[in-house]
Amino acid sequence: VAIFAMAIVLIFVGTLAQVDMDVWQ
């Protein structure tokens, strides 16, 4: 459950980071 929760946070942060960065970056 902890790993899945961290994966969800990472996906959320990666999605938000696409505002300033390219998808591949």
PDB file of all heavy atoms in Angstrom:
ATOM      1  N   VAL A   1       0.833  -1.202   0.000  1.00  0.00           N
ATOM      2  CA  VAL A   1       0.000   0.000   0.000  1.00  0.00           C
ATOM      3  C   VAL A   1       0.871   1.256   0.000  1.00  0.00           C
ATOM      4  O   VAL A   1       0.575   2.227  -0.710  1.00  0.00           O
ATOM      5  CB  VAL A   1      -0.973  -0.013   1.202  1.00  0.00           C
ATOM      6  CG1 VAL A   1      -1.698   1.308   1.344  1.00  0.00           C
ATOM      7  CG2 VAL A   1      -1.960  -1.160   1.057  1.00  0.00           C
ATOM      8  N   ALA A   2       1.959   1.252   0.756  1.00  0.00           N
ATOM      9  CA  ALA A   2       2.856   2.412   0.794  1.00  0.00           C
ATOM     10  C   ALA A   2       3.501   2.651  -0.574  1.00  0.00           C
ATOM     11  O   ALA A   2       3.609   3.803  -1.025  1.00  0.00           O
ATOM     12  CB  ALA A   2       3.927   2.220   1.859  1.00  0.00           C
ATOM     13  N   ILE A   3       3.903   1.583  -1.248  1.00  0.00           N
ATOM     14  CA  ILE A   3       4.503   1.719  -2.577  1.00  0.00           C
ATOM     15  C   ILE A   3       3.486   2.277  -3.560  1.00  0.00           C
ATOM     16  O   ILE A   3       3.796   3.175  -4.360  1.00  0.00           O
ATOM     17  CB  ILE A   3       5.068   0.366  -3.062  1.00  0.00           C
ATOM     18  CG1 ILE A   3       6.265  -0.040  -2.208  1.00  0.00           C
ATOM     19  CG2 ILE A   3       5.459   0.429  -4.532  1.00  0.00           C
ATOM     20  CD1 ILE A   3       6.716  -1.470  -2.425  1.00  0.00           C
ATOM     21  N   PHE A   4       2.254   1.762  -3.526  1.00  0.00           N
ATOM     22  CA  PHE A   4       1.213   2.273  -4.423  1.00  0.00           C
ATOM     23  C   PHE A   4       0.905   3.740  -4.141  1.00  0.00           C
ATOM     24  O   PHE A   4       0.706   4.533  -5.065  1.00  0.00           O
ATOM     25  CB  PHE A   4      -0.059   1.438  -4.323  1.00  0.00           C
ATOM     26  CG  PHE A   4       0.002   0.154  -5.101  1.00  0.00           C
ATOM     27  CD1 PHE A   4      -0.666  -0.960  -4.641  1.00  0.00           C
ATOM     28  CD2 PHE A   4       0.701   0.061  -6.290  1.00  0.00           C
ATOM     29  CE1 PHE A   4      -0.617  -2.154  -5.347  1.00  0.00           C
ATOM     30  CE2 PHE A   4       0.758  -1.114  -7.003  1.00  0.00           C
ATOM     31  CZ  PHE A   4       0.097  -2.231  -6.536  1.00  0.00           C
ATOM     32  N   ALA A   5       0.873   4.129  -2.870  1.00  0.00           N
ATOM     33  CA  ALA A   5       0.607   5.523  -2.522  1.00  0.00           C
ATOM     34  C   ALA A   5       1.729   6.431  -3.037  1.00  0.00           C
ATOM     35  O   ALA A   5       1.459   7.511  -3.584  1.00  0.00           O
ATOM     36  CB  ALA A   5       0.451   5.664  -1.010  1.00  0.00           C
ATOM     37  N   MET A   6       2.980   5.992  -2.888  1.00  0.00           N
ATOM     38  CA  MET A   6       4.093   6.789  -3.398  1.00  0.00           C
ATOM     39  C   MET A   6       4.059   6.866  -4.917  1.00  0.00           C
ATOM     40  O   MET A   6       4.411   7.910  -5.501  1.00  0.00           O
ATOM     41  CB  MET A   6       5.423   6.217  -2.912  1.00  0.00           C
ATOM     42  CG  MET A   6       5.681   6.483  -1.451  1.00  0.00           C
ATOM     43  SD  MET A   6       7.331   6.019  -0.909  1.00  0.00           S
ATOM     44  CE  MET A   6       7.242   4.241  -0.952  1.00  0.00           C
ATOM     45  N   ALA A   7       3.639   5.802  -5.580  1.00  0.00           N
ATOM     46  CA  ALA A   7       3.524   5.824  -7.040  1.00  0.00           C
ATOM     47  C   ALA A   7       2.449   6.823  -7.478  1.00  0.00           C
ATOM     48  O   ALA A   7       2.638   7.557  -8.463  1.00  0.00           O
ATOM     49  CB  ALA A   7       3.207   4.431  -7.570  1.00  0.00           C
ATOM     50  N   ILE A   8       1.356   6.880  -6.754  1.00  0.00           N
ATOM     51  CA  ILE A   8       0.295   7.836  -7.077  1.00  0.00           C
ATOM     52  C   ILE A   8       0.809   9.269  -6.905  1.00  0.00           C
ATOM     53  O   ILE A   8       0.552  10.139  -7.748  1.00  0.00           O
ATOM     54  CB  ILE A   8      -0.955   7.577  -6.213  1.00  0.00           C
ATOM     55  CG1 ILE A   8      -1.620   6.278  -6.656  1.00  0.00           C
ATOM     56  CG2 ILE A   8      -1.932   8.740  -6.288  1.00  0.00           C
ATOM     57  CD1 ILE A   8      -2.701   5.793  -5.721  1.00  0.00           C
ATOM     58  N   VAL A   9       1.553   9.521  -5.836  1.00  0.00           N
ATOM     59  CA  VAL A   9       2.124  10.856  -5.615  1.00  0.00           C
ATOM     60  C   VAL A   9       3.103  11.199  -6.735  1.00  0.00           C
ATOM     61  O   VAL A   9       3.089  12.317  -7.266  1.00  0.00           O
ATOM     62  CB  VAL A   9       2.802  10.939  -4.229  1.00  0.00           C
ATOM     63  CG1 VAL A   9       3.637  12.201  -4.094  1.00  0.00           C
ATOM     64  CG2 VAL A   9       1.778  10.845  -3.125  1.00  0.00           C
ATOM     65  N   LEU A  10       3.940  10.232  -7.137  1.00  0.00           N
ATOM     66  CA  LEU A  10       4.904  10.482  -8.208  1.00  0.00           C
ATOM     67  C   LEU A  10       4.197  10.799  -9.526  1.00  0.00           C
ATOM     68  O   LEU A  10       4.599  11.719 -10.256  1.00  0.00           O
ATOM     69  CB  LEU A  10       5.828   9.275  -8.383  1.00  0.00           C
ATOM     70  CG  LEU A  10       6.921   9.431  -9.438  1.00  0.00           C
ATOM     71  CD1 LEU A  10       7.938  10.477  -8.998  1.00  0.00           C
ATOM     72  CD2 LEU A  10       7.602   8.106  -9.699  1.00  0.00           C
ATOM     73  N   ILE A  11       3.136  10.083  -9.836  1.00  0.00           N
ATOM     74  CA  ILE A  11       2.377  10.347 -11.062  1.00  0.00           C
ATOM     75  C   ILE A  11       1.736  11.734 -10.999  1.00  0.00           C
ATOM     76  O   ILE A  11       1.746  12.482 -11.985  1.00  0.00           O
ATOM     77  CB  ILE A  11       1.329   9.245 -11.293  1.00  0.00           C
ATOM     78  CG1 ILE A  11       2.027   7.938 -11.635  1.00  0.00           C
ATOM     79  CG2 ILE A  11       0.354   9.632 -12.393  1.00  0.00           C
ATOM     80  CD1 ILE A  11       1.131   6.725 -11.586  1.00  0.00           C
ATOM     81  N   PHE A  12       1.205  12.095  -9.856  1.00  0.00           N
ATOM     82  CA  PHE A  12       0.603  13.421  -9.684  1.00  0.00           C
ATOM     83  C   PHE A  12       1.634  14.524  -9.874  1.00  0.00           C
ATOM     84  O   PHE A  12       1.414  15.493 -10.595  1.00  0.00           O
ATOM     85  CB  PHE A  12      -0.059  13.514  -8.309  1.00  0.00           C
ATOM     86  CG  PHE A  12      -0.685  14.842  -8.006  1.00  0.00           C
ATOM     87  CD1 PHE A  12      -1.800  15.275  -8.704  1.00  0.00           C
ATOM     88  CD2 PHE A  12      -0.157  15.667  -7.029  1.00  0.00           C
ATOM     89  CE1 PHE A  12      -2.377  16.510  -8.437  1.00  0.00           C
ATOM     90  CE2 PHE A  12      -0.728  16.885  -6.746  1.00  0.00           C
ATOM     91  CZ  PHE A  12      -1.837  17.315  -7.459  1.00  0.00           C
ATOM     92  N   VAL A  13       2.791  14.363  -9.239  1.00  0.00           N
ATOM     93  CA  VAL A  13       3.851  15.366  -9.343  1.00  0.00           C
ATOM     94  C   VAL A  13       4.370  15.439 -10.779  1.00  0.00           C
ATOM     95  O   VAL A  13       4.607  16.527 -11.310  1.00  0.00           O
ATOM     96  CB  VAL A  13       4.988  15.044  -8.346  1.00  0.00           C
ATOM     97  CG1 VAL A  13       6.228  15.869  -8.627  1.00  0.00           C
ATOM     98  CG2 VAL A  13       4.526  15.272  -6.925  1.00  0.00           C
ATOM     99  N   GLY A  14       4.529  14.290 -11.414  1.00  0.00           N
ATOM    100  CA  GLY A  14       4.979  14.285 -12.807  1.00  0.00           C
ATOM    101  C   GLY A  14       3.991  14.961 -13.737  1.00  0.00           C
ATOM    102  O   GLY A  14       4.378  15.649 -14.690  1.00  0.00           O
ATOM    103  N   THR A  15       2.712  14.783 -13.464  1.00  0.00           N
ATOM    104  CA  THR A  15       1.686  15.447 -14.269  1.00  0.00           C
ATOM    105  C   THR A  15       1.746  16.957 -14.082  1.00  0.00           C
ATOM    106  O   THR A  15       1.668  17.720 -15.051  1.00  0.00           O
ATOM    107  CB  THR A  15       0.292  14.918 -13.885  1.00  0.00           C
ATOM    108  OG1 THR A  15       0.273  13.505 -14.058  1.00  0.00           O
ATOM    109  CG2 THR A  15      -0.782  15.544 -14.736  1.00  0.00           C
ATOM    110  N   LEU A  16       1.895  17.392 -12.840  1.00  0.00           N
ATOM    111  CA  LEU A  16       1.993  18.834 -12.585  1.00  0.00           C
ATOM    112  C   LEU A  16       3.277  19.430 -13.161  1.00  0.00           C
ATOM    113  O   LEU A  16       3.293  20.591 -13.581  1.00  0.00           O
ATOM    114  CB  LEU A  16       1.933  19.114 -11.082  1.00  0.00           C
ATOM    115  CG  LEU A  16       0.583  18.901 -10.402  1.00  0.00           C
ATOM    116  CD1 LEU A  16       0.713  19.129  -8.899  1.00  0.00           C
ATOM    117  CD2 LEU A  16      -0.474  19.808 -10.992  1.00  0.00           C
ATOM    118  N   ALA A  17       4.349  18.644 -13.205  1.00  0.00           N
ATOM    119  CA  ALA A  17       5.622  19.151 -13.705  1.00  0.00           C
ATOM    120  C   ALA A  17       5.584  19.401 -15.208  1.00  0.00           C
ATOM    121  O   ALA A  17       6.421  20.146 -15.735  1.00  0.00           O
ATOM    122  CB  ALA A  17       6.742  18.176 -13.363  1.00  0.00           C
ATOM    123  N   GLN A  18       4.616  18.822 -15.898  1.00  0.00           N
ATOM    124  CA  GLN A  18       4.530  19.019 -17.349  1.00  0.00           C
ATOM    125  C   GLN A  18       4.131  20.441 -17.729  1.00  0.00           C
ATOM    126  O   GLN A  18       4.216  20.814 -18.892  1.00  0.00           O
ATOM    127  CB  GLN A  18       3.555  18.014 -17.955  1.00  0.00           C
ATOM    128  CG  GLN A  18       4.086  16.607 -17.935  1.00  0.00           C
ATOM    129  CD  GLN A  18       3.122  15.625 -18.563  1.00  0.00           C
ATOM    130  OE1 GLN A  18       2.321  15.983 -19.400  1.00  0.00           O
ATOM    131  NE2 GLN A  18       3.225  14.371 -18.143  1.00  0.00           N
ATOM    132  N   VAL A  19       3.730  21.242 -16.769  1.00  0.00           N
ATOM    133  CA  VAL A  19       3.440  22.653 -17.038  1.00  0.00           C
ATOM    134  C   VAL A  19       4.726  23.370 -17.447  1.00  0.00           C
ATOM    135  O   VAL A  19       4.722  24.194 -18.365  1.00  0.00           O
ATOM    136  CB  VAL A  19       2.817  23.323 -15.788  1.00  0.00           C
ATOM    137  CG1 VAL A  19       2.732  24.823 -15.956  1.00  0.00           C
ATOM    138  CG2 VAL A  19       1.462  22.730 -15.493  1.00  0.00           C
ATOM    139  N   ASP A  20       5.830  23.050 -16.792  1.00  0.00           N
ATOM    140  CA  ASP A  20       7.099  23.734 -17.035  1.00  0.00           C
ATOM    141  C   ASP A  20       8.079  22.948 -17.899  1.00  0.00           C
ATOM    142  O   ASP A  20       9.048  23.505 -18.387  1.00  0.00           O
ATOM    143  CB  ASP A  20       7.782  24.054 -15.696  1.00  0.00           C
ATOM    144  CG  ASP A  20       6.943  24.966 -14.834  1.00  0.00           C
ATOM    145  OD1 ASP A  20       6.271  25.843 -15.398  1.00  0.00           O
ATOM    146  OD2 ASP A  20       6.954  24.791 -13.599  1.00  0.00           O
ATOM    147  N   MET A  21       7.864  21.638 -18.059  1.00  0.00           N
ATOM    148  CA  MET A  21       8.821  20.796 -18.777  1.00  0.00           C
ATOM    149  C   MET A  21       8.142  20.046 -19.919  1.00  0.00           C
ATOM    150  O   MET A  21       6.927  19.891 -19.935  1.00  0.00           O
ATOM    151  CB  MET A  21       9.422  19.753 -17.833  1.00  0.00           C
ATOM    152  CG  MET A  21      10.303  20.267 -16.770  1.00  0.00           C
ATOM    153  SD  MET A  21      11.055  18.867 -15.928  1.00  0.00           S
ATOM    154  CE  MET A  21      10.767  19.314 -14.246  1.00  0.00           C
ATOM    155  N   ASP A  22       8.971  19.555 -20.824  1.00  0.00           N
ATOM    156  CA  ASP A  22       8.508  18.709 -21.897  1.00  0.00           C
ATOM    157  C   ASP A  22       8.153  17.322 -21.338  1.00  0.00           C
ATOM    158  O   ASP A  22       8.665  16.913 -20.291  1.00  0.00           O
ATOM    159  CB  ASP A  22       9.630  18.587 -22.939  1.00  0.00           C
ATOM    160  CG  ASP A  22       9.225  17.773 -24.131  1.00  0.00           C
ATOM    161  OD1 ASP A  22       8.161  18.081 -24.718  1.00  0.00           O
ATOM    162  OD2 ASP A  22       9.956  16.837 -24.490  1.00  0.00           O
ATOM    163  N   VAL A  23       7.303  16.597 -22.030  1.00  0.00           N
ATOM    164  CA  VAL A  23       6.874  15.277 -21.565  1.00  0.00           C
ATOM    165  C   VAL A  23       8.066  14.345 -21.390  1.00  0.00           C
ATOM    166  O   VAL A  23       8.173  13.625 -20.383  1.00  0.00           O
ATOM    167  CB  VAL A  23       5.863  14.655 -22.560  1.00  0.00           C
ATOM    168  CG1 VAL A  23       5.545  13.224 -22.185  1.00  0.00           C
ATOM    169  CG2 VAL A  23       4.601  15.468 -22.620  1.00  0.00           C
ATOM    170  N   TRP A  24       8.986  14.358 -22.343  1.00  0.00           N
ATOM    171  CA  TRP A  24      10.128  13.442 -22.266  1.00  0.00           C
ATOM    172  C   TRP A  24      11.111  13.855 -21.188  1.00  0.00           C
ATOM    173  O   TRP A  24      11.781  13.011 -20.596  1.00  0.00           O
ATOM    174  CB  TRP A  24      10.800  13.342 -23.634  1.00  0.00           C
ATOM    175  CG  TRP A  24       9.848  12.768 -24.631  1.00  0.00           C
ATOM    176  CD1 TRP A  24       9.262  13.419 -25.672  1.00  0.00           C
ATOM    177  CD2 TRP A  24       9.300  11.446 -24.620  1.00  0.00           C
ATOM    178  NE1 TRP A  24       8.397  12.574 -26.324  1.00  0.00           N
ATOM    179  CE2 TRP A  24       8.394  11.352 -25.699  1.00  0.00           C
ATOM    180  CE3 TRP A  24       9.471  10.332 -23.818  1.00  0.00           C
ATOM    181  CZ2 TRP A  24       7.693  10.206 -25.996  1.00  0.00           C
ATOM    182  CZ3 TRP A  24       8.764   9.182 -24.112  1.00  0.00           C
ATOM    183  CH2 TRP A  24       7.890   9.126 -25.184  1.00  0.00           C
ATOM    184  N   GLN A  25      11.190  15.123 -20.921  1.00  0.00           N
ATOM    185  CA  GLN A  25      12.033  15.601 -19.824  1.00  0.00           C
ATOM    186  C   GLN A  25      11.454  15.140 -18.480  1.00  0.00           C
ATOM    187  O   GLN A  25      12.197  14.717 -17.593  1.00  0.00           O
ATOM    188  CB  GLN A  25      12.119  17.124 -19.883  1.00  0.00           C
ATOM    189  CG  GLN A  25      13.170  17.723 -19.014  1.00  0.00           C
ATOM    190  CD  GLN A  25      13.226  19.235 -19.178  1.00  0.00           C
ATOM    191  OE1 GLN A  25      12.390  19.837 -19.843  1.00  0.00           O
ATOM    192  NE2 GLN A  25      14.210  19.852 -18.554  1.00  0.00           N
TER     193      GLN A  25
END
